N, C-alpha and C. Protein backbone atom coordinates (compact mmCIF):
# COMPACT_ATOMS: atom_id res chain seq x y z
N LEU A 1 0.81 -1.19 0.00
CA LEU A 1 0.00 0.00 0.00
C LEU A 1 0.86 1.27 0.00
N LEU A 2 2.02 1.20 0.62
CA LEU A 2 2.91 2.36 0.68
C LEU A 2 3.34 2.83 -0.72
N PRO A 3 3.74 1.94 -1.62
CA PRO A 3 4.12 2.40 -2.96
C PRO A 3 2.96 3.08 -3.70
N VAL A 4 1.76 2.59 -3.51
CA VAL A 4 0.59 3.18 -4.17
C VAL A 4 0.33 4.58 -3.61
N MET A 5 0.50 4.74 -2.31
CA MET A 5 0.30 6.05 -1.69
C MET A 5 1.30 7.07 -2.23
N TYR A 6 2.56 6.67 -2.34
CA TYR A 6 3.56 7.59 -2.88
C TYR A 6 3.26 7.92 -4.34
N ALA A 7 2.83 6.95 -5.11
CA ALA A 7 2.50 7.19 -6.52
C ALA A 7 1.30 8.12 -6.64
N ALA A 8 0.34 7.97 -5.76
CA ALA A 8 -0.85 8.84 -5.80
C ALA A 8 -0.50 10.29 -5.48
N SER A 9 0.63 10.50 -4.82
CA SER A 9 1.02 11.87 -4.48
C SER A 9 1.32 12.71 -5.72
N PHE A 10 1.60 12.07 -6.85
CA PHE A 10 1.82 12.83 -8.08
C PHE A 10 0.58 13.64 -8.45
N ALA A 11 -0.59 13.11 -8.14
CA ALA A 11 -1.84 13.78 -8.50
C ALA A 11 -2.32 14.75 -7.43
N THR A 12 -1.82 14.62 -6.21
CA THR A 12 -2.40 15.39 -5.12
C THR A 12 -1.44 16.37 -4.44
N SER A 13 -0.17 16.10 -4.45
CA SER A 13 0.77 16.91 -3.68
C SER A 13 1.18 18.18 -4.41
N SER A 14 1.34 19.25 -3.65
CA SER A 14 1.78 20.52 -4.25
C SER A 14 3.25 20.48 -4.63
N VAL A 15 3.99 19.52 -4.11
CA VAL A 15 5.41 19.39 -4.47
C VAL A 15 5.57 19.24 -5.97
N TRP A 16 4.69 18.46 -6.58
CA TRP A 16 4.81 18.19 -8.02
C TRP A 16 4.31 19.35 -8.87
N ARG A 17 3.41 20.14 -8.34
CA ARG A 17 2.96 21.32 -9.09
C ARG A 17 4.10 22.33 -9.22
N GLU A 18 5.00 22.32 -8.26
CA GLU A 18 6.10 23.28 -8.24
C GLU A 18 7.43 22.68 -8.67
N ALA A 19 7.44 21.42 -9.08
CA ALA A 19 8.68 20.74 -9.45
C ALA A 19 9.16 21.19 -10.82
N VAL A 20 10.34 21.79 -10.85
CA VAL A 20 10.96 22.22 -12.10
C VAL A 20 12.38 21.69 -12.10
N TYR A 21 12.68 20.82 -13.04
CA TYR A 21 14.01 20.23 -13.15
C TYR A 21 14.96 21.20 -13.83
N LYS A 22 16.11 21.43 -13.23
CA LYS A 22 17.12 22.31 -13.79
C LYS A 22 18.33 21.49 -14.22
N PRO A 23 18.59 21.42 -15.52
CA PRO A 23 19.71 20.63 -16.01
C PRO A 23 21.06 21.12 -15.47
N GLN A 24 21.18 22.40 -15.21
CA GLN A 24 22.45 22.94 -14.75
C GLN A 24 22.87 22.37 -13.40
N ILE A 25 21.91 22.07 -12.56
CA ILE A 25 22.23 21.52 -11.23
C ILE A 25 21.86 20.05 -11.10
N GLU A 26 21.31 19.47 -12.18
CA GLU A 26 20.86 18.08 -12.18
C GLU A 26 19.92 17.80 -11.01
N GLY A 27 19.04 18.76 -10.74
CA GLY A 27 18.09 18.62 -9.65
C GLY A 27 16.91 19.54 -9.83
N TYR A 28 16.04 19.53 -8.84
CA TYR A 28 14.82 20.34 -8.87
C TYR A 28 15.00 21.57 -7.99
N LEU A 29 14.35 22.64 -8.39
CA LEU A 29 14.44 23.87 -7.61
C LEU A 29 13.83 23.72 -6.23
N ASN A 30 12.82 22.86 -6.09
CA ASN A 30 12.19 22.67 -4.79
C ASN A 30 12.71 21.42 -4.07
N ASN A 31 13.87 20.91 -4.51
CA ASN A 31 14.54 19.75 -3.91
C ASN A 31 13.74 18.45 -4.03
N ALA A 32 12.90 18.35 -5.04
CA ALA A 32 12.13 17.12 -5.24
C ALA A 32 13.03 15.94 -5.59
N HIS A 33 14.25 16.21 -6.04
CA HIS A 33 15.17 15.12 -6.36
C HIS A 33 15.53 14.31 -5.11
N CYS A 34 15.42 14.92 -3.95
CA CYS A 34 15.68 14.20 -2.70
C CYS A 34 14.61 13.14 -2.45
N LEU A 35 13.42 13.37 -2.98
CA LEU A 35 12.34 12.40 -2.78
C LEU A 35 12.61 11.08 -3.48
N ALA A 36 13.36 11.10 -4.57
CA ALA A 36 13.66 9.85 -5.27
C ALA A 36 14.39 8.88 -4.34
N ARG A 37 15.39 9.38 -3.66
CA ARG A 37 16.14 8.54 -2.71
C ARG A 37 15.29 8.19 -1.49
N CYS A 38 14.54 9.17 -1.01
CA CYS A 38 13.71 8.98 0.18
C CYS A 38 12.64 7.92 -0.05
N ILE A 39 11.92 8.01 -1.16
CA ILE A 39 10.86 7.04 -1.44
C ILE A 39 11.44 5.65 -1.60
N ASN A 40 12.56 5.55 -2.31
CA ASN A 40 13.21 4.25 -2.48
C ASN A 40 13.61 3.66 -1.12
N ASP A 41 14.26 4.46 -0.31
CA ASP A 41 14.72 3.97 1.00
C ASP A 41 13.56 3.60 1.91
N LEU A 42 12.49 4.38 1.90
CA LEU A 42 11.35 4.06 2.75
C LEU A 42 10.66 2.76 2.32
N ILE A 43 10.52 2.56 1.02
CA ILE A 43 9.90 1.32 0.55
C ILE A 43 10.76 0.12 0.93
N VAL A 44 12.08 0.25 0.76
CA VAL A 44 12.98 -0.85 1.12
C VAL A 44 12.95 -1.10 2.63
N CYS A 45 13.03 -0.03 3.42
CA CYS A 45 13.05 -0.19 4.88
C CYS A 45 11.76 -0.78 5.42
N PHE A 46 10.62 -0.23 4.99
CA PHE A 46 9.35 -0.76 5.47
C PHE A 46 9.13 -2.19 4.98
N GLY A 47 9.61 -2.49 3.81
CA GLY A 47 9.50 -3.86 3.29
C GLY A 47 10.30 -4.84 4.11
N SER A 48 11.47 -4.43 4.55
CA SER A 48 12.29 -5.34 5.35
C SER A 48 11.80 -5.43 6.79
N ILE A 49 11.18 -4.37 7.30
CA ILE A 49 10.67 -4.39 8.68
C ILE A 49 9.38 -5.20 8.78
N THR A 50 8.48 -5.00 7.83
CA THR A 50 7.16 -5.63 7.93
C THR A 50 7.14 -7.07 7.43
N ASN A 51 8.17 -7.48 6.71
CA ASN A 51 8.22 -8.84 6.19
C ASN A 51 9.17 -9.64 7.07
N PRO A 52 8.66 -10.60 7.85
CA PRO A 52 9.52 -11.34 8.78
C PRO A 52 10.61 -12.14 8.07
N THR A 53 10.38 -12.56 6.85
CA THR A 53 11.41 -13.34 6.13
C THR A 53 12.39 -12.44 5.39
N SER A 54 12.09 -11.13 5.31
CA SER A 54 12.91 -10.16 4.59
C SER A 54 13.25 -10.64 3.19
N ASN A 55 12.23 -11.12 2.51
CA ASN A 55 12.40 -11.61 1.15
C ASN A 55 12.64 -10.44 0.20
N GLU A 56 13.76 -10.45 -0.48
CA GLU A 56 14.12 -9.36 -1.39
C GLU A 56 13.13 -9.24 -2.54
N MET A 57 12.54 -10.33 -2.95
CA MET A 57 11.59 -10.30 -4.06
C MET A 57 10.33 -9.51 -3.70
N ASP A 58 9.93 -9.54 -2.44
CA ASP A 58 8.78 -8.74 -2.00
C ASP A 58 9.09 -7.25 -2.07
N ILE A 59 10.32 -6.89 -1.71
CA ILE A 59 10.73 -5.49 -1.78
C ILE A 59 10.82 -5.04 -3.23
N VAL A 60 11.37 -5.88 -4.09
CA VAL A 60 11.45 -5.57 -5.52
C VAL A 60 10.04 -5.39 -6.10
N ALA A 61 9.11 -6.25 -5.68
CA ALA A 61 7.73 -6.13 -6.15
C ALA A 61 7.11 -4.81 -5.71
N SER A 62 7.42 -4.36 -4.50
CA SER A 62 6.90 -3.08 -4.02
C SER A 62 7.49 -1.91 -4.82
N LEU A 63 8.76 -1.97 -5.11
CA LEU A 63 9.39 -0.93 -5.92
C LEU A 63 8.81 -0.91 -7.33
N GLN A 64 8.58 -2.09 -7.89
CA GLN A 64 7.97 -2.18 -9.21
C GLN A 64 6.56 -1.62 -9.20
N LYS A 65 5.83 -1.89 -8.13
CA LYS A 65 4.47 -1.37 -8.00
C LYS A 65 4.48 0.15 -8.01
N PHE A 66 5.44 0.76 -7.30
CA PHE A 66 5.55 2.22 -7.31
C PHE A 66 5.77 2.75 -8.72
N VAL A 67 6.70 2.14 -9.46
CA VAL A 67 7.00 2.60 -10.81
C VAL A 67 5.79 2.43 -11.72
N GLU A 68 5.12 1.29 -11.61
CA GLU A 68 3.95 1.03 -12.46
C GLU A 68 2.81 2.00 -12.17
N VAL A 69 2.45 2.15 -10.92
CA VAL A 69 1.33 3.02 -10.56
C VAL A 69 1.68 4.48 -10.85
N SER A 70 2.92 4.88 -10.57
CA SER A 70 3.34 6.25 -10.88
C SER A 70 3.23 6.54 -12.37
N SER A 71 3.64 5.59 -13.18
CA SER A 71 3.56 5.76 -14.63
C SER A 71 2.12 5.94 -15.09
N VAL A 72 1.25 5.12 -14.57
CA VAL A 72 -0.16 5.22 -14.95
C VAL A 72 -0.74 6.56 -14.52
N VAL A 73 -0.46 6.98 -13.30
CA VAL A 73 -0.97 8.25 -12.80
C VAL A 73 -0.46 9.40 -13.66
N LEU A 74 0.83 9.40 -13.97
CA LEU A 74 1.41 10.49 -14.75
C LEU A 74 0.89 10.51 -16.18
N LEU A 75 0.74 9.35 -16.79
CA LEU A 75 0.22 9.32 -18.15
C LEU A 75 -1.24 9.77 -18.21
N ARG A 76 -2.00 9.42 -17.20
CA ARG A 76 -3.39 9.89 -17.16
C ARG A 76 -3.46 11.39 -16.92
N MET A 77 -2.54 11.91 -16.13
CA MET A 77 -2.49 13.36 -15.91
C MET A 77 -2.11 14.08 -17.20
N ALA A 78 -1.22 13.47 -17.98
CA ALA A 78 -0.82 14.08 -19.25
C ALA A 78 -1.99 14.12 -20.22
N ARG A 79 -2.82 13.12 -20.17
CA ARG A 79 -3.98 13.07 -21.06
C ARG A 79 -5.02 14.11 -20.67
N ALA A 80 -5.14 14.40 -19.39
CA ALA A 80 -6.11 15.39 -18.90
C ALA A 80 -5.37 16.68 -18.59
N LYS A 81 -4.85 17.35 -19.59
CA LYS A 81 -4.03 18.54 -19.39
C LYS A 81 -4.79 19.71 -18.78
N GLU A 82 -6.11 19.72 -18.92
CA GLU A 82 -6.86 20.85 -18.38
C GLU A 82 -7.00 20.79 -16.86
N ASP A 83 -6.55 19.71 -16.25
CA ASP A 83 -6.62 19.57 -14.80
C ASP A 83 -5.61 20.53 -14.15
N ARG A 84 -6.08 21.47 -13.39
CA ARG A 84 -5.22 22.49 -12.79
C ARG A 84 -4.47 21.98 -11.56
N ARG A 85 -4.82 20.80 -11.08
CA ARG A 85 -4.12 20.25 -9.92
C ARG A 85 -2.82 19.57 -10.32
N GLY A 86 -2.62 19.32 -11.60
CA GLY A 86 -1.44 18.62 -12.07
C GLY A 86 -0.20 19.49 -12.08
N PRO A 87 0.93 18.88 -12.42
CA PRO A 87 2.19 19.63 -12.44
C PRO A 87 2.22 20.69 -13.52
N VAL A 88 2.91 21.78 -13.24
CA VAL A 88 3.06 22.85 -14.21
C VAL A 88 4.07 22.44 -15.28
N ASP A 89 5.16 21.82 -14.87
CA ASP A 89 6.21 21.38 -15.77
C ASP A 89 6.19 19.86 -15.85
N PHE A 90 5.33 19.34 -16.71
CA PHE A 90 5.12 17.89 -16.79
C PHE A 90 6.39 17.11 -17.12
N PRO A 91 7.24 17.54 -18.06
CA PRO A 91 8.46 16.78 -18.33
C PRO A 91 9.34 16.60 -17.09
N SER A 92 9.35 17.59 -16.22
CA SER A 92 10.15 17.48 -14.99
C SER A 92 9.66 16.35 -14.09
N VAL A 93 8.37 16.13 -14.07
CA VAL A 93 7.82 15.08 -13.23
C VAL A 93 8.11 13.70 -13.83
N ILE A 94 8.06 13.60 -15.15
CA ILE A 94 8.41 12.34 -15.81
C ILE A 94 9.88 12.00 -15.55
N VAL A 95 10.74 13.01 -15.58
CA VAL A 95 12.16 12.80 -15.33
C VAL A 95 12.39 12.28 -13.91
N PHE A 96 11.50 12.62 -12.99
CA PHE A 96 11.63 12.13 -11.62
C PHE A 96 11.67 10.61 -11.58
N LEU A 97 10.88 9.96 -12.41
CA LEU A 97 10.89 8.49 -12.41
C LEU A 97 12.25 7.95 -12.84
N ASP A 98 12.91 8.63 -13.76
CA ASP A 98 14.26 8.23 -14.15
C ASP A 98 15.22 8.41 -12.98
N LYS A 99 15.08 9.51 -12.26
CA LYS A 99 15.93 9.74 -11.09
C LYS A 99 15.65 8.70 -10.00
N PHE A 100 14.39 8.30 -9.88
CA PHE A 100 14.04 7.24 -8.92
C PHE A 100 14.76 5.95 -9.30
N MET A 101 14.76 5.63 -10.59
CA MET A 101 15.41 4.40 -11.04
C MET A 101 16.92 4.46 -10.79
N ASP A 102 17.51 5.63 -10.87
CA ASP A 102 18.94 5.77 -10.56
C ASP A 102 19.22 5.35 -9.12
N ASN A 103 18.29 5.62 -8.22
CA ASN A 103 18.46 5.31 -6.81
C ASN A 103 17.99 3.92 -6.42
N ALA A 104 17.20 3.29 -7.26
CA ALA A 104 16.64 1.97 -6.94
C ALA A 104 17.58 0.88 -7.44
N SER A 105 18.53 0.52 -6.61
CA SER A 105 19.54 -0.46 -7.01
C SER A 105 18.96 -1.87 -7.18
N LEU A 106 17.79 -2.12 -6.63
CA LEU A 106 17.17 -3.43 -6.76
C LEU A 106 16.40 -3.60 -8.07
N LEU A 107 16.20 -2.50 -8.79
CA LEU A 107 15.44 -2.55 -10.05
C LEU A 107 16.36 -2.32 -11.24
N THR A 108 15.92 -2.83 -12.38
CA THR A 108 16.62 -2.55 -13.63
C THR A 108 15.73 -1.63 -14.47
N TYR A 109 16.34 -0.98 -15.44
CA TYR A 109 15.61 0.01 -16.23
C TYR A 109 14.53 -0.61 -17.11
N ASP A 110 14.55 -1.92 -17.31
CA ASP A 110 13.49 -2.52 -18.11
C ASP A 110 12.14 -2.42 -17.40
N VAL A 111 12.14 -2.27 -16.07
CA VAL A 111 10.89 -2.07 -15.33
C VAL A 111 10.27 -0.74 -15.74
N LEU A 112 11.09 0.30 -15.79
CA LEU A 112 10.59 1.61 -16.20
C LEU A 112 10.19 1.61 -17.67
N GLU A 113 11.00 0.95 -18.49
CA GLU A 113 10.69 0.93 -19.92
C GLU A 113 9.41 0.17 -20.22
N SER A 114 9.03 -0.78 -19.40
CA SER A 114 7.78 -1.49 -19.62
C SER A 114 6.57 -0.60 -19.35
N CYS A 115 6.78 0.48 -18.57
CA CYS A 115 5.70 1.40 -18.23
C CYS A 115 5.76 2.69 -19.05
N LEU A 116 6.94 3.23 -19.21
CA LEU A 116 7.16 4.46 -19.97
C LEU A 116 8.18 4.16 -21.06
N PRO A 117 7.80 4.28 -22.30
CA PRO A 117 8.75 4.00 -23.38
C PRO A 117 9.97 4.93 -23.28
N TYR A 118 11.11 4.39 -23.64
CA TYR A 118 12.34 5.17 -23.58
C TYR A 118 12.24 6.42 -24.45
N ALA A 119 11.57 6.32 -25.58
CA ALA A 119 11.43 7.47 -26.48
C ALA A 119 10.71 8.63 -25.77
N LEU A 120 9.70 8.32 -24.96
CA LEU A 120 8.99 9.36 -24.22
C LEU A 120 9.91 10.02 -23.20
N LEU A 121 10.64 9.22 -22.46
CA LEU A 121 11.56 9.75 -21.46
C LEU A 121 12.64 10.60 -22.13
N ARG A 122 13.19 10.13 -23.23
CA ARG A 122 14.21 10.88 -23.96
C ARG A 122 13.65 12.22 -24.45
N ASN A 123 12.42 12.21 -24.95
CA ASN A 123 11.81 13.46 -25.42
C ASN A 123 11.57 14.44 -24.28
N MET A 124 11.24 13.92 -23.10
CA MET A 124 11.05 14.79 -21.94
C MET A 124 12.38 15.47 -21.57
N TYR A 125 13.46 14.69 -21.56
CA TYR A 125 14.78 15.28 -21.31
C TYR A 125 15.13 16.30 -22.38
N LYS A 126 14.84 15.98 -23.63
CA LYS A 126 15.13 16.89 -24.74
C LYS A 126 14.37 18.21 -24.56
N ASP A 127 13.08 18.11 -24.22
CA ASP A 127 12.28 19.32 -23.98
C ASP A 127 12.86 20.15 -22.84
N ILE A 128 13.25 19.49 -21.78
CA ILE A 128 13.79 20.20 -20.62
C ILE A 128 15.09 20.91 -20.99
N TYR A 129 15.98 20.20 -21.63
CA TYR A 129 17.28 20.80 -21.96
C TYR A 129 17.15 21.91 -22.98
N GLU A 130 16.23 21.80 -23.93
CA GLU A 130 16.04 22.86 -24.92
C GLU A 130 15.40 24.09 -24.30
N VAL A 131 14.37 23.90 -23.50
CA VAL A 131 13.67 25.03 -22.90
C VAL A 131 14.48 25.68 -21.79
N LYS A 132 15.06 24.88 -20.91
CA LYS A 132 15.75 25.43 -19.75
C LYS A 132 17.07 26.09 -20.10
N THR A 133 17.68 25.66 -21.20
CA THR A 133 18.96 26.26 -21.57
C THR A 133 18.79 27.24 -22.73
N GLN A 134 17.56 27.40 -23.23
CA GLN A 134 17.26 28.29 -24.35
C GLN A 134 18.18 28.04 -25.53
N GLY A 135 18.45 26.76 -25.78
CA GLY A 135 19.27 26.40 -26.92
C GLY A 135 20.76 26.55 -26.71
N LYS A 136 21.19 27.02 -25.53
CA LYS A 136 22.62 27.18 -25.23
C LYS A 136 23.17 25.86 -24.73
N PRO A 137 24.40 25.54 -25.06
CA PRO A 137 24.98 24.30 -24.55
C PRO A 137 25.14 24.36 -23.03
N VAL A 138 24.89 23.22 -22.39
CA VAL A 138 25.01 23.14 -20.93
C VAL A 138 26.45 22.82 -20.58
N ASP A 139 27.01 23.54 -19.61
CA ASP A 139 28.40 23.30 -19.18
C ASP A 139 28.49 22.04 -18.37
C-alpha cells in the first residue's frame, strides 16, 4: 500500500505542481530530487521491517508497484491537461521516475521501460534541456 500512496502523491501533492528540473544543477528547484532517494529507502526499509522473512523479491515487487502506478498516474495526468491540480512542468515530473530508477539499485531500467517508453523519457529530457537552456549548450 505504501508504494501506491507515494504514486498517488503525483496527482495530489503541491510538491509536483512546483517541481521544475534544472539541467544545470541536475536537480529540482524545490529539492524534489531528494524524494527519489527517500521514497526508495522508505519502501525498502518498510518492506524489510514488515516482512519477517525479509524476502528481497517482495521489496522488488513493491518498488515495481511504485514505478507502475506512478507511470499510470502520470500518463493519465498528461492526457487530462486541463486539470489544474497537475504539475506545471510535466516533463520534470516524468524525469523524476528516471531519477528514482537511478536510486533503486534493486530494479533494472526494463521495469521503467515497460511502463514508460524510452522514447517518451528521452523526449522529456530533450524538452527540458532545450527550454531550460534556451538552446545554449550546458556546461
